[in-house]
Amino acid sequence: MTRRLWLSAALPAALFPAASPANLNLRLRSRKLGLVAERGETWSAPQTAIIVCDMWNGHYCQNSARRVTEMVPAMNAMMNKARALGVHIVHSPSGCMDKYEDTPQRRRVKQARPSKPPIPLARWCYLDLASEPPLPIDDATSPCDDEVVGPAVRRFDRQHPGLEIKEPDVISDSGEEIFNFFEQEGVRNVVMMGVHTNMCVLGRPFGIRQLVRLGKNVVLARDMTDAMYDPRQAPWVSHQRGTELVIEHIEQYWCPTIQSKDLTVAASGRTS
């Protein structure tokens, strides 16, 4: 039976170093050898960025599109608070950059100073059997959980309109552009959120696998993501449990996870 080591949700203050109001107290959850543990870590808000991955305004899988829409209000409210604390926001609706070319948010990231990455940037980071086993869900046979699955055609052209794009933000789906922007702004810490956990969140050129290889401090906001998984496929669990299994895989092999509320409260304990 898998052993679990749980720390109290209210972690002792001693776990966190003294921090200024511009810092964030995070509770990072990770897994190793069947054990689950949480630890406290303090991140500087101005050195932290949120990447919003592929929260499009539509999808061929109607249940997936519905879950994205359900996630939007909480994500939008969280980003407003994080932004006010000095956290950078990167909107990454892949394949939709043409809709934003004339915006200051798009120009800002394109104008970032070029910087040489420590490794070659991949256009897509595939499953890496040298670092991780196969994913715990079958997302190849048919990942859509609609009762009747329609054709897998593009049904989006921009980010979901409920997610506000504000003046300090940037818009990019380029690993190179985002890396340049992070280096220019001194971003060391990256929070991934959006969809889909088992696909784009891991594999995009700005996704978890690439960011970890670039040496960034990376976490996944586990309450702000959703997997593409059909319970009619292995391991024949609910859609929610399928998403949880992918999150557990990430915690074991790639990076810790957090609750997004950690990004809304300064280290002083005051809510922004």
C-alpha atoms as a PDB file:
ATOM      1  CA  MET A   1       0.000   0.000   0.000  1.00  0.00           C
ATOM      2  CA  THR A   2       1.300   3.480  -0.858  1.00  0.00           C
ATOM      3  CA  ARG A   3       2.493   5.350   2.211  1.00  0.00           C
ATOM      4  CA  ARG A   4       1.671   9.041   2.536  1.00  0.00           C
ATOM      5  CA  LEU A   5       3.335  11.617   4.699  1.00  0.00           C
ATOM      6  CA  TRP A   6       1.013  14.605   5.154  1.00  0.00           C
ATOM      7  CA  LEU A   7       1.914  17.799   6.921  1.00  0.00           C
ATOM      8  CA  SER A   8      -0.773  19.962   8.425  1.00  0.00           C
ATOM      9  CA  ALA A   9      -2.426  22.398   6.008  1.00  0.00           C
ATOM     10  CA  ALA A  10      -1.496  25.130   8.487  1.00  0.00           C
ATOM     11  CA  LEU A  11       2.273  24.779   8.288  1.00  0.00           C
ATOM     12  CA  PRO A  12       4.327  26.271  11.149  1.00  0.00           C
ATOM     13  CA  ALA A  13       5.511  29.810  10.529  1.00  0.00           C
ATOM     14  CA  ALA A  14       9.087  28.644  11.234  1.00  0.00           C
ATOM     15  CA  LEU A  15       9.092  26.869   7.876  1.00  0.00           C
ATOM     16  CA  PHE A  16       9.052  30.223   6.140  1.00  0.00           C
ATOM     17  CA  PRO A  17      11.944  32.676   6.269  1.00  0.00           C
ATOM     18  CA  ALA A  18      11.275  36.306   7.113  1.00  0.00           C
ATOM     19  CA  ALA A  19       9.828  37.989   4.062  1.00  0.00           C
ATOM     20  CA  SER A  20       8.806  41.413   2.832  1.00  0.00           C
ATOM     21  CA  PRO A  21       5.222  42.240   1.803  1.00  0.00           C
ATOM     22  CA  ALA A  22       6.244  41.749  -1.850  1.00  0.00           C
ATOM     23  CA  ASN A  23       6.920  38.053  -1.207  1.00  0.00           C
ATOM     24  CA  LEU A  24       4.685  35.011  -1.446  1.00  0.00           C
ATOM     25  CA  ASN A  25       4.479  32.104   0.972  1.00  0.00           C
ATOM     26  CA  LEU A  26       3.958  28.890  -0.986  1.00  0.00           C
ATOM     27  CA  ARG A  27       3.147  25.388   0.209  1.00  0.00           C
ATOM     28  CA  LEU A  28       4.811  23.066  -2.294  1.00  0.00           C
ATOM     29  CA  ARG A  29       3.523  19.492  -2.553  1.00  0.00           C
ATOM     30  CA  SER A  30       5.783  16.831  -4.026  1.00  0.00           C
ATOM     31  CA  ARG A  31       6.176  13.043  -4.132  1.00  0.00           C
ATOM     32  CA  LYS A  32       9.141  10.725  -3.799  1.00  0.00           C
ATOM     33  CA  LEU A  33       9.253   6.954  -3.400  1.00  0.00           C
ATOM     34  CA  GLY A  34       5.564   6.790  -2.539  1.00  0.00           C
ATOM     35  CA  LEU A  35       5.733   9.546   0.063  1.00  0.00           C
ATOM     36  CA  VAL A  36       3.792  12.788  -0.229  1.00  0.00           C
ATOM     37  CA  ALA A  37       5.174  15.826   1.546  1.00  0.00           C
ATOM     38  CA  GLU A  38       4.653  19.566   1.708  1.00  0.00           C
ATOM     39  CA  ARG A  39       7.246  22.193   2.392  1.00  0.00           C
ATOM     40  CA  GLY A  40       7.139  25.941   2.768  1.00  0.00           C
ATOM     41  CA  GLU A  41       8.983  28.200   0.371  1.00  0.00           C
ATOM     42  CA  THR A  42       9.067  31.972  -0.080  1.00  0.00           C
ATOM     43  CA  TRP A  43       9.172  33.485  -3.560  1.00  0.00           C
ATOM     44  CA  SER A  44       9.718  37.102  -4.503  1.00  0.00           C
ATOM     45  CA  ALA A  45       6.583  38.284  -6.318  1.00  0.00           C
ATOM     46  CA  PRO A  46       8.497  40.400  -8.897  1.00  0.00           C
ATOM     47  CA  GLN A  47      10.668  37.351  -9.675  1.00  0.00           C
ATOM     48  CA  THR A  48       7.594  35.180 -10.229  1.00  0.00           C
ATOM     49  CA  ALA A  49       5.469  34.691 -13.348  1.00  0.00           C
ATOM     50  CA  ILE A  50       2.223  32.889 -14.069  1.00  0.00           C
ATOM     51  CA  ILE A  51       1.859  31.231 -17.463  1.00  0.00           C
ATOM     52  CA  VAL A  52      -1.752  30.706 -18.562  1.00  0.00           C
ATOM     53  CA  CYS A  53      -1.604  27.798 -20.988  1.00  0.00           C
ATOM     54  CA  ASP A  54      -4.126  27.334 -23.811  1.00  0.00           C
ATOM     55  CA  MET A  55      -7.244  28.600 -22.023  1.00  0.00           C
ATOM     56  CA  TRP A  56      -8.949  28.963 -25.398  1.00  0.00           C
ATOM     57  CA  ASN A  57     -12.431  30.247 -26.218  1.00  0.00           C
ATOM     58  CA  GLY A  58     -13.505  26.875 -27.581  1.00  0.00           C
ATOM     59  CA  HIS A  59     -12.552  23.235 -28.072  1.00  0.00           C
ATOM     60  CA  TYR A  60     -13.740  20.272 -30.128  1.00  0.00           C
ATOM     61  CA  CYS A  61     -14.376  18.442 -26.846  1.00  0.00           C
ATOM     62  CA  GLN A  62     -17.426  20.164 -25.405  1.00  0.00           C
ATOM     63  CA  ASN A  63     -16.881  18.887 -21.862  1.00  0.00           C
ATOM     64  CA  SER A  64     -13.340  20.216 -21.956  1.00  0.00           C
ATOM     65  CA  ALA A  65     -14.580  23.637 -23.131  1.00  0.00           C
ATOM     66  CA  ARG A  66     -17.179  23.634 -20.359  1.00  0.00           C
ATOM     67  CA  ARG A  67     -14.584  22.909 -17.680  1.00  0.00           C
ATOM     68  CA  VAL A  68     -12.366  25.729 -18.995  1.00  0.00           C
ATOM     69  CA  THR A  69     -15.299  28.146 -18.744  1.00  0.00           C
ATOM     70  CA  GLU A  70     -15.998  26.971 -15.194  1.00  0.00           C
ATOM     71  CA  MET A  71     -12.362  27.617 -14.255  1.00  0.00           C
ATOM     72  CA  VAL A  72     -12.240  31.145 -15.675  1.00  0.00           C
ATOM     73  CA  PRO A  73     -13.853  33.221 -12.875  1.00  0.00           C
ATOM     74  CA  ALA A  74     -11.592  31.848 -10.131  1.00  0.00           C
ATOM     75  CA  MET A  75      -8.509  32.091 -12.344  1.00  0.00           C
ATOM     76  CA  ASN A  76      -9.313  35.659 -13.314  1.00  0.00           C
ATOM     77  CA  ALA A  77      -9.862  36.723  -9.691  1.00  0.00           C
ATOM     78  CA  MET A  78      -6.643  35.016  -8.609  1.00  0.00           C
ATOM     79  CA  MET A  79      -4.603  36.677 -11.359  1.00  0.00           C
ATOM     80  CA  ASN A  80      -5.925  40.109 -10.436  1.00  0.00           C
ATOM     81  CA  LYS A  81      -4.642  39.646  -6.878  1.00  0.00           C
ATOM     82  CA  ALA A  82      -1.313  38.153  -7.973  1.00  0.00           C
ATOM     83  CA  ARG A  83      -0.793  40.961 -10.487  1.00  0.00           C
ATOM     84  CA  ALA A  84      -1.373  43.540  -7.748  1.00  0.00           C
ATOM     85  CA  LEU A  85       1.424  41.917  -5.722  1.00  0.00           C
ATOM     86  CA  GLY A  86       3.859  42.285  -8.623  1.00  0.00           C
ATOM     87  CA  VAL A  87       3.610  38.830 -10.216  1.00  0.00           C
ATOM     88  CA  HIS A  88       4.070  38.809 -14.016  1.00  0.00           C
ATOM     89  CA  ILE A  89       1.249  37.322 -16.109  1.00  0.00           C
ATOM     90  CA  VAL A  90       1.978  35.560 -19.409  1.00  0.00           C
ATOM     91  CA  HIS A  91      -1.058  34.679 -21.539  1.00  0.00           C
ATOM     92  CA  SER A  92      -0.239  31.773 -23.858  1.00  0.00           C
ATOM     93  CA  PRO A  93      -3.201  30.819 -26.075  1.00  0.00           C
ATOM     94  CA  SER A  94      -1.135  28.794 -28.531  1.00  0.00           C
ATOM     95  CA  GLY A  95      -1.765  29.344 -32.211  1.00  0.00           C
ATOM     96  CA  CYS A  96      -3.679  32.581 -31.706  1.00  0.00           C
ATOM     97  CA  MET A  97      -0.944  35.205 -31.775  1.00  0.00           C
ATOM     98  CA  ASP A  98      -2.368  36.834 -34.920  1.00  0.00           C
ATOM     99  CA  LYS A  99      -5.311  38.096 -32.842  1.00  0.00           C
ATOM    100  CA  TYR A 100      -2.957  40.009 -30.529  1.00  0.00           C
ATOM    101  CA  GLU A 101      -0.191  41.311 -32.819  1.00  0.00           C
ATOM    102  CA  ASP A 102      -1.246  44.949 -32.447  1.00  0.00           C
ATOM    103  CA  THR A 103      -1.497  44.886 -28.655  1.00  0.00           C
ATOM    104  CA  PRO A 104       1.099  46.378 -26.281  1.00  0.00           C
ATOM    105  CA  GLN A 105       1.213  43.041 -24.428  1.00  0.00           C
ATOM    106  CA  ARG A 106       2.351  41.273 -27.598  1.00  0.00           C
ATOM    107  CA  ARG A 107       4.851  43.955 -28.553  1.00  0.00           C
ATOM    108  CA  ARG A 108       6.321  43.994 -25.048  1.00  0.00           C
ATOM    109  CA  VAL A 109       7.372  40.356 -25.091  1.00  0.00           C
ATOM    110  CA  LYS A 110       8.627  40.513 -28.694  1.00  0.00           C
ATOM    111  CA  GLN A 111      10.876  43.442 -27.774  1.00  0.00           C
ATOM    112  CA  ALA A 112      12.530  41.682 -24.822  1.00  0.00           C
ATOM    113  CA  ARG A 113      16.319  41.547 -25.050  1.00  0.00           C
ATOM    114  CA  PRO A 114      17.603  38.326 -26.639  1.00  0.00           C
ATOM    115  CA  SER A 115      19.221  35.938 -24.182  1.00  0.00           C
ATOM    116  CA  LYS A 116      21.003  32.647 -24.793  1.00  0.00           C
ATOM    117  CA  PRO A 117      19.275  29.721 -23.059  1.00  0.00           C
ATOM    118  CA  PRO A 118      21.421  27.124 -21.261  1.00  0.00           C
ATOM    119  CA  ILE A 119      19.995  24.380 -23.508  1.00  0.00           C
ATOM    120  CA  PRO A 120      18.525  24.330 -27.015  1.00  0.00           C
ATOM    121  CA  LEU A 121      14.818  25.166 -26.888  1.00  0.00           C
ATOM    122  CA  ALA A 122      12.539  22.403 -28.143  1.00  0.00           C
ATOM    123  CA  ARG A 123       9.444  23.266 -30.161  1.00  0.00           C
ATOM    124  CA  TRP A 124       7.625  20.498 -28.258  1.00  0.00           C
ATOM    125  CA  CYS A 125       8.831  18.528 -25.247  1.00  0.00           C
ATOM    126  CA  TYR A 126       7.599  14.962 -25.645  1.00  0.00           C
ATOM    127  CA  LEU A 127       7.313  12.295 -22.971  1.00  0.00           C
ATOM    128  CA  ASP A 128      10.859  11.713 -21.738  1.00  0.00           C
ATOM    129  CA  LEU A 129      11.307   8.064 -20.790  1.00  0.00           C
ATOM    130  CA  ALA A 130      14.753   8.899 -19.423  1.00  0.00           C
ATOM    131  CA  SER A 131      13.095  11.086 -16.782  1.00  0.00           C
ATOM    132  CA  GLU A 132       9.573   9.706 -16.380  1.00  0.00           C
ATOM    133  CA  PRO A 133       7.484   6.595 -17.040  1.00  0.00           C
ATOM    134  CA  PRO A 134       4.468   6.680 -19.353  1.00  0.00           C
ATOM    135  CA  LEU A 135       1.589   8.845 -18.149  1.00  0.00           C
ATOM    136  CA  PRO A 136      -0.859   7.079 -15.811  1.00  0.00           C
ATOM    137  CA  ILE A 137      -3.835   7.653 -18.150  1.00  0.00           C
ATOM    138  CA  ASP A 138      -4.580   6.635 -21.736  1.00  0.00           C
ATOM    139  CA  ASP A 139      -4.879   9.926 -23.610  1.00  0.00           C
ATOM    140  CA  ALA A 140      -4.108   8.441 -27.035  1.00  0.00           C
ATOM    141  CA  THR A 141      -7.077   6.162 -27.752  1.00  0.00           C
ATOM    142  CA  SER A 142      -9.641   8.932 -27.256  1.00  0.00           C
ATOM    143  CA  PRO A 143      -9.026  11.732 -24.750  1.00  0.00           C
ATOM    144  CA  CYS A 144     -12.427  13.445 -25.071  1.00  0.00           C
ATOM    145  CA  ASP A 145     -15.121  12.511 -22.547  1.00  0.00           C
ATOM    146  CA  ASP A 146     -18.118  13.815 -24.510  1.00  0.00           C
ATOM    147  CA  GLU A 147     -20.982  11.334 -24.699  1.00  0.00           C
ATOM    148  CA  VAL A 148     -20.682  11.533 -28.475  1.00  0.00           C
ATOM    149  CA  VAL A 149     -17.219  12.634 -29.567  1.00  0.00           C
ATOM    150  CA  GLY A 150     -17.187  14.960 -32.554  1.00  0.00           C
ATOM    151  CA  PRO A 151     -14.370  15.513 -35.043  1.00  0.00           C
ATOM    152  CA  ALA A 152     -11.103  16.783 -33.547  1.00  0.00           C
ATOM    153  CA  VAL A 153     -11.089  20.081 -35.415  1.00  0.00           C
ATOM    154  CA  ARG A 154     -10.038  23.544 -34.262  1.00  0.00           C
ATOM    155  CA  ARG A 155     -12.874  25.447 -32.583  1.00  0.00           C
ATOM    156  CA  PHE A 156     -10.955  28.359 -31.038  1.00  0.00           C
ATOM    157  CA  ASP A 157      -9.281  31.528 -32.234  1.00  0.00           C
ATOM    158  CA  ARG A 158      -8.206  33.358 -29.076  1.00  0.00           C
ATOM    159  CA  GLN A 159      -8.026  33.142 -25.281  1.00  0.00           C
ATOM    160  CA  HIS A 160     -11.250  32.786 -23.325  1.00  0.00           C
ATOM    161  CA  PRO A 161     -12.790  36.289 -23.126  1.00  0.00           C
ATOM    162  CA  GLY A 162     -13.440  35.952 -19.405  1.00  0.00           C
ATOM    163  CA  LEU A 163      -9.721  36.109 -18.663  1.00  0.00           C
ATOM    164  CA  GLU A 164      -8.677  39.738 -18.437  1.00  0.00           C
ATOM    165  CA  ILE A 165      -5.511  40.828 -20.208  1.00  0.00           C
ATOM    166  CA  LYS A 166      -4.193  43.930 -18.496  1.00  0.00           C
ATOM    167  CA  GLU A 167      -1.471  46.475 -19.207  1.00  0.00           C
ATOM    168  CA  PRO A 168       1.459  44.843 -17.329  1.00  0.00           C
ATOM    169  CA  ASP A 169       0.869  41.437 -18.966  1.00  0.00           C
ATOM    170  CA  VAL A 170       2.502  39.828 -22.001  1.00  0.00           C
ATOM    171  CA  ILE A 171       1.126  37.480 -24.673  1.00  0.00           C
ATOM    172  CA  SER A 172       3.230  34.779 -26.311  1.00  0.00           C
ATOM    173  CA  ASP A 173       3.240  31.113 -27.298  1.00  0.00           C
ATOM    174  CA  SER A 174       6.972  31.136 -28.117  1.00  0.00           C
ATOM    175  CA  GLY A 175       9.451  29.439 -25.810  1.00  0.00           C
ATOM    176  CA  GLU A 176      12.174  31.790 -27.035  1.00  0.00           C
ATOM    177  CA  GLU A 177      10.151  34.977 -26.491  1.00  0.00           C
ATOM    178  CA  ILE A 178       9.057  33.927 -23.030  1.00  0.00           C
ATOM    179  CA  PHE A 179      12.588  32.912 -22.025  1.00  0.00           C
ATOM    180  CA  ASN A 180      13.936  36.281 -23.226  1.00  0.00           C
ATOM    181  CA  PHE A 181      11.256  38.123 -21.267  1.00  0.00           C
ATOM    182  CA  PHE A 182      11.952  36.122 -18.110  1.00  0.00           C
ATOM    183  CA  GLU A 183      15.685  36.767 -18.326  1.00  0.00           C
ATOM    184  CA  GLN A 184      15.147  40.490 -18.944  1.00  0.00           C
ATOM    185  CA  GLU A 185      12.747  40.819 -15.997  1.00  0.00           C
ATOM    186  CA  GLY A 186      14.691  38.577 -13.625  1.00  0.00           C
ATOM    187  CA  VAL A 187      11.953  35.932 -13.411  1.00  0.00           C
ATOM    188  CA  ARG A 188      13.265  32.857 -11.622  1.00  0.00           C
ATOM    189  CA  ASN A 189       9.984  31.285 -10.505  1.00  0.00           C
ATOM    190  CA  VAL A 190       7.193  30.111 -12.802  1.00  0.00           C
ATOM    191  CA  VAL A 191       3.660  28.937 -11.991  1.00  0.00           C
ATOM    192  CA  MET A 192       1.972  26.895 -14.726  1.00  0.00           C
ATOM    193  CA  MET A 193      -1.796  26.781 -14.984  1.00  0.00           C
ATOM    194  CA  GLY A 194      -4.341  26.088 -17.661  1.00  0.00           C
ATOM    195  CA  VAL A 195      -4.945  23.100 -19.935  1.00  0.00           C
ATOM    196  CA  HIS A 196      -4.380  20.358 -20.604  1.00  0.00           C
ATOM    197  CA  THR A 197      -2.323  18.939 -17.770  1.00  0.00           C
ATOM    198  CA  ASN A 198      -1.211  15.809 -19.623  1.00  0.00           C
ATOM    199  CA  MET A 199      -0.618  17.543 -22.939  1.00  0.00           C
ATOM    200  CA  CYS A 200       0.187  21.233 -23.433  1.00  0.00           C
ATOM    201  CA  VAL A 201       0.968  22.070 -19.792  1.00  0.00           C
ATOM    202  CA  LEU A 202       3.790  19.529 -19.916  1.00  0.00           C
ATOM    203  CA  GLY A 203       4.837  19.666 -23.541  1.00  0.00           C
ATOM    204  CA  ARG A 204       4.565  23.198 -24.918  1.00  0.00           C
ATOM    205  CA  PRO A 205       7.809  25.121 -25.581  1.00  0.00           C
ATOM    206  CA  PHE A 206       6.898  27.174 -22.506  1.00  0.00           C
ATOM    207  CA  GLY A 207       5.612  24.151 -20.562  1.00  0.00           C
ATOM    208  CA  ILE A 208       6.791  22.329 -17.468  1.00  0.00           C
ATOM    209  CA  ARG A 209       9.348  20.007 -19.074  1.00  0.00           C
ATOM    210  CA  GLN A 210      11.101  22.850 -20.892  1.00  0.00           C
ATOM    211  CA  LEU A 211      11.035  25.229 -17.917  1.00  0.00           C
ATOM    212  CA  VAL A 212      12.506  22.613 -15.584  1.00  0.00           C
ATOM    213  CA  ARG A 213      15.316  21.926 -18.055  1.00  0.00           C
ATOM    214  CA  LEU A 214      15.975  25.666 -18.267  1.00  0.00           C
ATOM    215  CA  GLY A 215      16.611  25.715 -14.516  1.00  0.00           C
ATOM    216  CA  LYS A 216      13.530  27.680 -13.462  1.00  0.00           C
ATOM    217  CA  ASN A 217      11.795  27.075 -10.159  1.00  0.00           C
ATOM    218  CA  VAL A 218       8.558  25.614 -11.507  1.00  0.00           C
ATOM    219  CA  VAL A 219       5.279  24.690  -9.854  1.00  0.00           C
ATOM    220  CA  LEU A 220       1.876  23.658 -11.183  1.00  0.00           C
ATOM    221  CA  ALA A 221      -1.260  25.271  -9.733  1.00  0.00           C
ATOM    222  CA  ARG A 222      -3.133  22.024  -9.231  1.00  0.00           C
ATOM    223  CA  ASP A 223      -6.532  23.682  -8.708  1.00  0.00           C
ATOM    224  CA  MET A 224      -6.212  25.658 -11.956  1.00  0.00           C
ATOM    225  CA  THR A 225      -5.748  22.859 -14.470  1.00  0.00           C
ATOM    226  CA  ASP A 226      -7.659  20.074 -16.200  1.00  0.00           C
ATOM    227  CA  ALA A 227      -6.632  16.977 -18.124  1.00  0.00           C
ATOM    228  CA  MET A 228      -7.874  15.606 -21.431  1.00  0.00           C
ATOM    229  CA  TYR A 229      -9.065  12.195 -20.289  1.00  0.00           C
ATOM    230  CA  ASP A 230     -12.012   9.947 -21.065  1.00  0.00           C
ATOM    231  CA  PRO A 231     -13.090   7.606 -18.231  1.00  0.00           C
ATOM    232  CA  ARG A 232     -13.928   5.012 -20.891  1.00  0.00           C
ATOM    233  CA  GLN A 233     -10.165   4.564 -21.309  1.00  0.00           C
ATOM    234  CA  ALA A 234      -7.545   3.094 -18.945  1.00  0.00           C
ATOM    235  CA  PRO A 235      -7.274   3.262 -15.990  1.00  0.00           C
ATOM    236  CA  TRP A 236     -11.096   3.576 -16.042  1.00  0.00           C
ATOM    237  CA  VAL A 237     -11.446   6.160 -13.296  1.00  0.00           C
ATOM    238  CA  SER A 238     -13.478   9.356 -13.133  1.00  0.00           C
ATOM    239  CA  HIS A 239     -12.344  12.377 -15.131  1.00  0.00           C
ATOM    240  CA  GLN A 240     -11.452  14.166 -11.887  1.00  0.00           C
ATOM    241  CA  ARG A 241      -9.377  11.227 -10.710  1.00  0.00           C
ATOM    242  CA  GLY A 242      -7.672  11.036 -14.098  1.00  0.00           C
ATOM    243  CA  THR A 243      -6.599  14.673 -13.723  1.00  0.00           C
ATOM    244  CA  GLU A 244      -5.369  13.952 -10.203  1.00  0.00           C
ATOM    245  CA  LEU A 245      -3.271  11.035 -11.478  1.00  0.00           C
ATOM    246  CA  VAL A 246      -1.530  13.322 -13.976  1.00  0.00           C
ATOM    247  CA  ILE A 247      -0.928  15.888 -11.230  1.00  0.00           C
ATOM    248  CA  GLU A 248       0.602  13.149  -9.079  1.00  0.00           C
ATOM    249  CA  HIS A 249       2.822  12.132 -11.987  1.00  0.00           C
ATOM    250  CA  ILE A 250       4.070  15.718 -12.298  1.00  0.00           C
ATOM    251  CA  GLU A 251       4.702  15.935  -8.549  1.00  0.00           C
ATOM    252  CA  GLN A 252       6.733  12.716  -8.700  1.00  0.00           C
ATOM    253  CA  TYR A 253       8.804  13.347 -11.812  1.00  0.00           C
ATOM    254  CA  TRP A 254       8.834  17.046 -12.726  1.00  0.00           C
ATOM    255  CA  CYS A 255       7.914  19.694 -10.169  1.00  0.00           C
ATOM    256  CA  PRO A 256       5.885  20.426  -7.051  1.00  0.00           C
ATOM    257  CA  THR A 257       2.327  21.748  -7.071  1.00  0.00           C
ATOM    258  CA  ILE A 258       0.594  24.512  -5.120  1.00  0.00           C
ATOM    259  CA  GLN A 259      -2.874  25.848  -4.487  1.00  0.00           C
ATOM    260  CA  SER A 260      -3.404  29.054  -6.457  1.00  0.00           C
ATOM    261  CA  LYS A 261      -4.523  30.946  -3.347  1.00  0.00           C
ATOM    262  CA  ASP A 262      -0.841  31.075  -2.324  1.00  0.00           C
ATOM    263  CA  LEU A 263      -0.377  33.625  -5.125  1.00  0.00           C
ATOM    264  CA  THR A 264      -2.945  36.042  -3.720  1.00  0.00           C
ATOM    265  CA  VAL A 265      -1.587  36.684  -0.229  1.00  0.00           C
ATOM    266  CA  ALA A 266       1.575  38.607   0.663  1.00  0.00           C
ATOM    267  CA  ALA A 267       3.966  37.019   3.138  1.00  0.00           C
ATOM    268  CA  SER A 268       2.674  39.314   5.864  1.00  0.00           C
ATOM    269  CA  GLY A 269      -0.527  37.279   5.752  1.00  0.00           C
ATOM    270  CA  ARG A 270      -2.672  40.099   4.411  1.00  0.00           C
ATOM    271  CA  THR A 271      -4.932  39.323   1.486  1.00  0.00           C
ATOM    272  CA  SER A 272      -4.218  41.552  -1.474  1.00  0.00           C
END
